Amino acid sequence: MIKKISLLVFLFTAFVYSQLLDPKIVVQVPEHDFGDIIQGEKVQHNFSVTNTGGDVLKITNVRASCGCTAALPDKKELAPGESTNIKVEFNSTGRIGKQIKIVYVKSNDKEHPEIQLKFTCNILKKEQANLQSNSGPVIELPKMQFDFGKVPEGKVVDHIFSIKNSGNATLSINEVKTSCGCTATVLDKKELAPGEETTLKVELNTANRSGKMSKNVTIISNDPKEPQKHLTIYAEILKEGSN
């Protein structure tokens, strides 16, 4: 009986250990909505991919569900803790109405050898778009990414993003979500009149963390075209004594 229990404990420990050593692909925000776009317009989005495992992650293939979509990773090999972007471009020429497209990403992650990235949009003819553009709030962020660079472990760093309402109706920021408890946000103002600006302070607490990391912040507003905006922050956390 004792031998059986010992064998089970050994097998379980070996399984857990192998899981920690294997590469693991994680996409913090696997879906994106482009909202309304004009027929013929090309739109782009970066999906952030991270290797949260203990070995090198190799992205072996990226393919789209149709020829109207192109997808390409910035890097094909990621060290443990490292992140990269998969750039997706959609060509709306010759299409109309609601669209749902899938991008398939294959890697050497044994548990999830293929993951799916999804984006949606609503394609309008130019005359429809002109009618809709006459009213409504529009959220505008001049900068949507920030790299803190190398940061000593335990330090709290922050960056301030600018937000503007470039529409002609009141913009309401309903919610700001973070992808982990290590990230906090402070929004200066939730309601913006047309042309008004505000700031969003994003703090990253590096306590008990190490290596390269990326975190996402999602802004949810009443912008009818882009109700969700995704910000990404990057950092390389250095343990004491490392360069």
Protein backbone atom coordinates (compact mmCIF):
# COMPACT_ATOMS: atom_id res chain seq x y z
CA MET A 1 0.00 0.00 0.00
CA ILE A 2 2.83 2.39 0.95
CA LYS A 3 4.63 1.53 -2.30
CA LYS A 4 1.46 2.33 -4.28
CA ILE A 5 1.07 5.70 -2.57
CA SER A 6 4.75 6.49 -3.11
CA LEU A 7 4.41 5.63 -6.80
CA LEU A 8 1.34 7.85 -7.17
CA VAL A 9 3.11 10.74 -5.41
CA PHE A 10 6.14 10.26 -7.68
CA LEU A 11 4.03 10.20 -10.84
CA PHE A 12 2.05 13.28 -9.77
CA THR A 13 5.25 15.18 -8.89
CA ALA A 14 6.83 14.22 -12.19
CA PHE A 15 3.71 15.38 -14.06
CA VAL A 16 3.63 18.76 -12.27
CA TYR A 17 7.36 19.24 -12.78
CA SER A 18 7.10 18.48 -16.51
CA GLN A 19 4.22 20.97 -16.78
CA LEU A 20 6.41 23.67 -15.24
CA LEU A 21 9.31 22.87 -17.58
CA ASP A 22 7.26 22.74 -20.78
CA PRO A 23 6.55 25.87 -22.87
CA LYS A 24 3.08 27.36 -22.36
CA ILE A 25 1.37 29.80 -24.72
CA VAL A 26 -0.97 32.39 -23.19
CA VAL A 27 -2.99 35.13 -24.91
CA GLN A 28 -4.38 37.58 -22.37
CA VAL A 29 -7.02 39.02 -24.76
CA PRO A 30 -7.79 36.43 -27.50
CA GLU A 31 -10.68 38.40 -29.04
CA HIS A 32 -10.92 41.86 -30.63
CA ASP A 33 -13.83 43.87 -32.05
CA PHE A 34 -12.98 46.43 -34.74
CA GLY A 35 -16.53 47.78 -34.54
CA ASP A 36 -17.88 49.51 -37.67
CA ILE A 37 -15.44 49.89 -40.57
CA ILE A 38 -15.92 51.26 -44.09
CA GLN A 39 -16.00 48.76 -46.97
CA GLY A 40 -12.54 48.61 -48.57
CA GLU A 41 -10.76 49.71 -45.41
CA LYS A 42 -7.79 47.70 -44.03
CA VAL A 43 -7.61 47.40 -40.25
CA GLN A 44 -4.88 45.99 -38.00
CA HIS A 45 -4.64 44.65 -34.46
CA ASN A 46 -1.81 43.18 -32.35
CA PHE A 47 -2.59 40.15 -30.17
CA SER A 48 -0.08 39.87 -27.31
CA VAL A 49 1.27 36.31 -26.78
CA THR A 50 3.34 35.27 -23.74
CA ASN A 51 5.34 32.15 -22.89
CA THR A 52 4.48 31.43 -19.23
CA GLY A 53 6.19 28.03 -19.25
CA GLY A 54 9.71 26.93 -18.37
CA ASP A 55 11.13 26.19 -21.83
CA VAL A 56 11.44 27.97 -25.19
CA LEU A 57 8.07 28.40 -26.94
CA LYS A 58 8.22 27.91 -30.71
CA ILE A 59 5.40 29.29 -32.86
CA THR A 60 5.42 26.89 -35.79
CA ASN A 61 2.50 28.17 -37.88
CA VAL A 62 0.01 31.05 -38.04
CA ARG A 63 -2.87 30.84 -40.50
CA ALA A 64 -6.14 32.71 -41.02
CA SER A 65 -9.61 31.35 -41.78
CA CYS A 66 -9.80 33.29 -45.05
CA GLY A 67 -7.61 35.00 -47.64
CA CYS A 68 -8.89 38.43 -46.55
CA THR A 69 -6.81 38.14 -43.35
CA ALA A 70 -3.03 38.19 -42.94
CA ALA A 71 -1.33 37.26 -39.67
CA LEU A 72 2.34 37.32 -38.70
CA PRO A 73 4.19 37.01 -35.34
CA ASP A 74 6.95 39.52 -34.55
CA LYS A 75 9.00 36.64 -33.11
CA LYS A 76 8.67 32.87 -33.57
CA GLU A 77 10.69 31.77 -30.53
CA LEU A 78 10.00 33.08 -27.01
CA ALA A 79 12.11 32.46 -23.92
CA PRO A 80 10.26 31.76 -20.63
CA GLY A 81 8.40 34.93 -19.59
CA GLU A 82 8.93 36.60 -22.98
CA SER A 83 6.10 38.13 -25.04
CA THR A 84 5.55 39.01 -28.66
CA ASN A 85 2.78 40.40 -30.88
CA ILE A 86 0.88 38.58 -33.59
CA LYS A 87 -0.10 41.28 -36.06
CA VAL A 88 -3.43 40.65 -37.79
CA GLU A 89 -4.54 42.66 -40.83
CA PHE A 90 -8.04 42.41 -42.29
CA ASN A 91 -8.99 43.64 -45.78
CA SER A 92 -12.71 44.45 -45.98
CA THR A 93 -12.80 44.89 -49.78
CA GLY A 94 -15.84 43.20 -51.33
CA ARG A 95 -17.43 42.36 -47.96
CA ILE A 96 -20.44 43.78 -46.13
CA GLY A 97 -22.16 43.35 -42.76
CA LYS A 98 -21.09 41.40 -39.67
CA GLN A 99 -17.83 39.46 -39.95
CA ILE A 100 -16.23 36.86 -37.64
CA LYS A 101 -12.72 35.69 -38.49
CA ILE A 102 -10.38 33.22 -36.79
CA VAL A 103 -6.57 33.06 -36.74
CA TYR A 104 -5.06 29.68 -35.79
CA VAL A 105 -1.71 29.66 -33.98
CA LYS A 106 0.29 26.42 -33.69
CA SER A 107 3.18 26.00 -31.26
CA ASN A 108 5.13 23.38 -29.30
CA ASP A 109 2.87 23.81 -26.25
CA LYS A 110 1.94 20.17 -25.61
CA GLU A 111 -1.21 21.01 -23.67
CA HIS A 112 -2.54 23.51 -26.24
CA PRO A 113 -0.77 22.82 -29.56
CA GLU A 114 -3.21 25.11 -31.40
CA ILE A 115 -4.99 28.19 -30.07
CA GLN A 116 -7.49 30.50 -31.73
CA LEU A 117 -7.53 34.30 -31.98
CA LYS A 118 -10.86 35.84 -32.99
CA PHE A 119 -11.82 39.24 -34.33
CA THR A 120 -15.16 40.69 -35.38
CA CYS A 121 -16.32 43.78 -37.22
CA ASN A 122 -19.30 45.29 -39.01
CA ILE A 123 -18.59 46.49 -42.55
CA LEU A 124 -20.57 49.48 -43.77
CA LYS A 125 -20.85 50.97 -47.23
CA LYS A 126 -19.41 54.47 -47.42
CA GLU A 127 -22.79 56.19 -47.48
CA GLN A 128 -23.87 54.30 -44.35
CA ALA A 129 -20.67 55.27 -42.58
CA ASN A 130 -21.15 58.94 -43.46
CA LEU A 131 -24.61 58.89 -41.88
CA GLN A 132 -23.34 57.24 -38.69
CA SER A 133 -20.27 59.47 -38.34
CA ASN A 134 -22.42 62.56 -37.90
CA SER A 135 -23.07 61.75 -34.23
CA GLY A 136 -21.64 59.85 -31.31
CA PRO A 137 -18.60 59.78 -29.01
CA VAL A 138 -15.20 58.65 -30.28
CA ILE A 139 -12.47 57.45 -27.91
CA GLU A 140 -8.96 58.31 -29.07
CA LEU A 141 -5.64 57.21 -27.50
CA PRO A 142 -2.49 58.62 -29.15
CA LYS A 143 -0.38 55.87 -27.53
CA MET A 144 -1.59 52.36 -26.67
CA GLN A 145 1.65 50.66 -25.59
CA PHE A 146 4.43 51.47 -23.14
CA ASP A 147 7.66 49.63 -22.28
CA PHE A 148 9.09 50.27 -18.79
CA GLY A 149 12.31 48.54 -19.83
CA LYS A 150 14.42 46.97 -17.07
CA VAL A 151 12.89 47.38 -13.60
CA PRO A 152 14.34 46.13 -10.24
CA GLU A 153 12.09 43.53 -8.61
CA GLY A 154 9.87 45.05 -5.91
CA LYS A 155 9.63 48.50 -7.49
CA VAL A 156 6.29 50.10 -8.41
CA VAL A 157 6.40 51.97 -11.74
CA ASP A 158 3.69 53.94 -13.51
CA HIS A 159 2.86 55.52 -16.84
CA ILE A 160 0.17 58.03 -17.82
CA PHE A 161 -1.86 57.43 -21.00
CA SER A 162 -3.84 60.24 -22.63
CA ILE A 163 -7.49 59.78 -23.63
CA LYS A 164 -9.48 62.16 -25.83
CA ASN A 165 -13.09 62.34 -27.01
CA SER A 166 -12.80 63.27 -30.69
CA GLY A 167 -16.53 62.74 -31.36
CA ASN A 168 -19.44 65.15 -31.01
CA ALA A 169 -21.31 63.53 -28.10
CA THR A 170 -20.37 62.84 -24.47
CA LEU A 171 -17.93 59.95 -24.02
CA SER A 172 -18.56 57.77 -20.95
CA ILE A 173 -15.77 55.49 -19.74
CA ASN A 174 -17.77 52.77 -18.03
CA GLU A 175 -15.01 50.48 -16.78
CA VAL A 176 -11.25 49.92 -16.79
CA LYS A 177 -10.10 46.30 -16.41
CA THR A 178 -6.59 44.95 -15.74
CA SER A 179 -5.28 41.50 -16.62
CA CYS A 180 -3.74 40.84 -13.18
CA GLY A 181 -3.66 42.08 -9.58
CA CYS A 182 -0.16 43.47 -10.09
CA THR A 183 -1.60 46.27 -12.25
CA ALA A 184 -3.67 49.17 -10.93
CA THR A 185 -5.28 52.12 -12.73
CA VAL A 186 -6.40 55.61 -11.79
CA LEU A 187 -8.76 57.38 -14.21
CA ASP A 188 -8.82 61.15 -13.85
CA LYS A 189 -12.30 61.63 -15.36
CA LYS A 190 -15.07 59.27 -16.53
CA GLU A 191 -17.21 61.66 -18.59
CA LEU A 192 -15.67 63.64 -21.46
CA ALA A 193 -17.42 66.32 -23.48
CA PRO A 194 -16.61 66.55 -27.23
CA GLY A 195 -12.95 67.57 -27.64
CA GLU A 196 -12.18 67.06 -23.94
CA GLU A 197 -9.16 65.06 -22.71
CA THR A 198 -8.29 63.08 -19.58
CA THR A 199 -5.54 60.77 -18.31
CA LEU A 200 -5.29 57.16 -17.18
CA LYS A 201 -2.47 56.32 -14.76
CA VAL A 202 -1.34 52.68 -14.96
CA GLU A 203 0.78 51.29 -12.12
CA LEU A 204 2.77 48.04 -12.25
CA ASN A 205 3.89 46.39 -9.00
CA THR A 206 6.90 44.14 -9.71
CA ALA A 207 7.00 42.47 -6.26
CA ASN A 208 7.66 38.70 -6.44
CA ARG A 209 8.03 38.76 -10.22
CA SER A 210 10.97 38.23 -12.56
CA GLY A 211 11.81 38.11 -16.26
CA LYS A 212 10.03 39.63 -19.22
CA MET A 213 6.31 40.27 -18.87
CA SER A 214 3.42 42.06 -20.54
CA LYS A 215 0.06 43.08 -19.08
CA ASN A 216 -3.11 44.41 -20.66
CA VAL A 217 -5.53 47.13 -19.62
CA THR A 218 -8.99 47.23 -21.23
CA ILE A 219 -10.98 50.47 -21.42
CA ILE A 220 -14.74 49.99 -21.91
CA SER A 221 -16.71 53.02 -23.11
CA ASN A 222 -19.85 54.02 -25.00
CA ASP A 223 -17.95 54.58 -28.26
CA PRO A 224 -20.27 52.72 -30.70
CA LYS A 225 -17.44 51.85 -33.11
CA GLU A 226 -14.81 50.71 -30.60
CA PRO A 227 -16.44 49.96 -27.24
CA GLN A 228 -13.21 48.33 -26.01
CA LYS A 229 -9.68 49.67 -26.27
CA HIS A 230 -6.68 47.58 -25.17
CA LEU A 231 -3.50 49.08 -23.73
CA THR A 232 -0.35 46.97 -23.25
CA ILE A 233 2.54 47.57 -20.84
CA TYR A 234 5.85 45.73 -20.93
CA ALA A 235 8.71 45.29 -18.46
CA GLU A 236 11.74 43.14 -17.76
CA ILE A 237 11.92 42.48 -14.01
CA LEU A 238 15.43 42.09 -12.61
CA LYS A 239 16.13 40.18 -9.40
CA GLU A 240 18.66 41.69 -6.99
CA GLY A 241 22.19 41.07 -8.25
CA SER A 242 21.22 40.60 -11.92
CA ASN A 243 22.19 43.01 -14.69
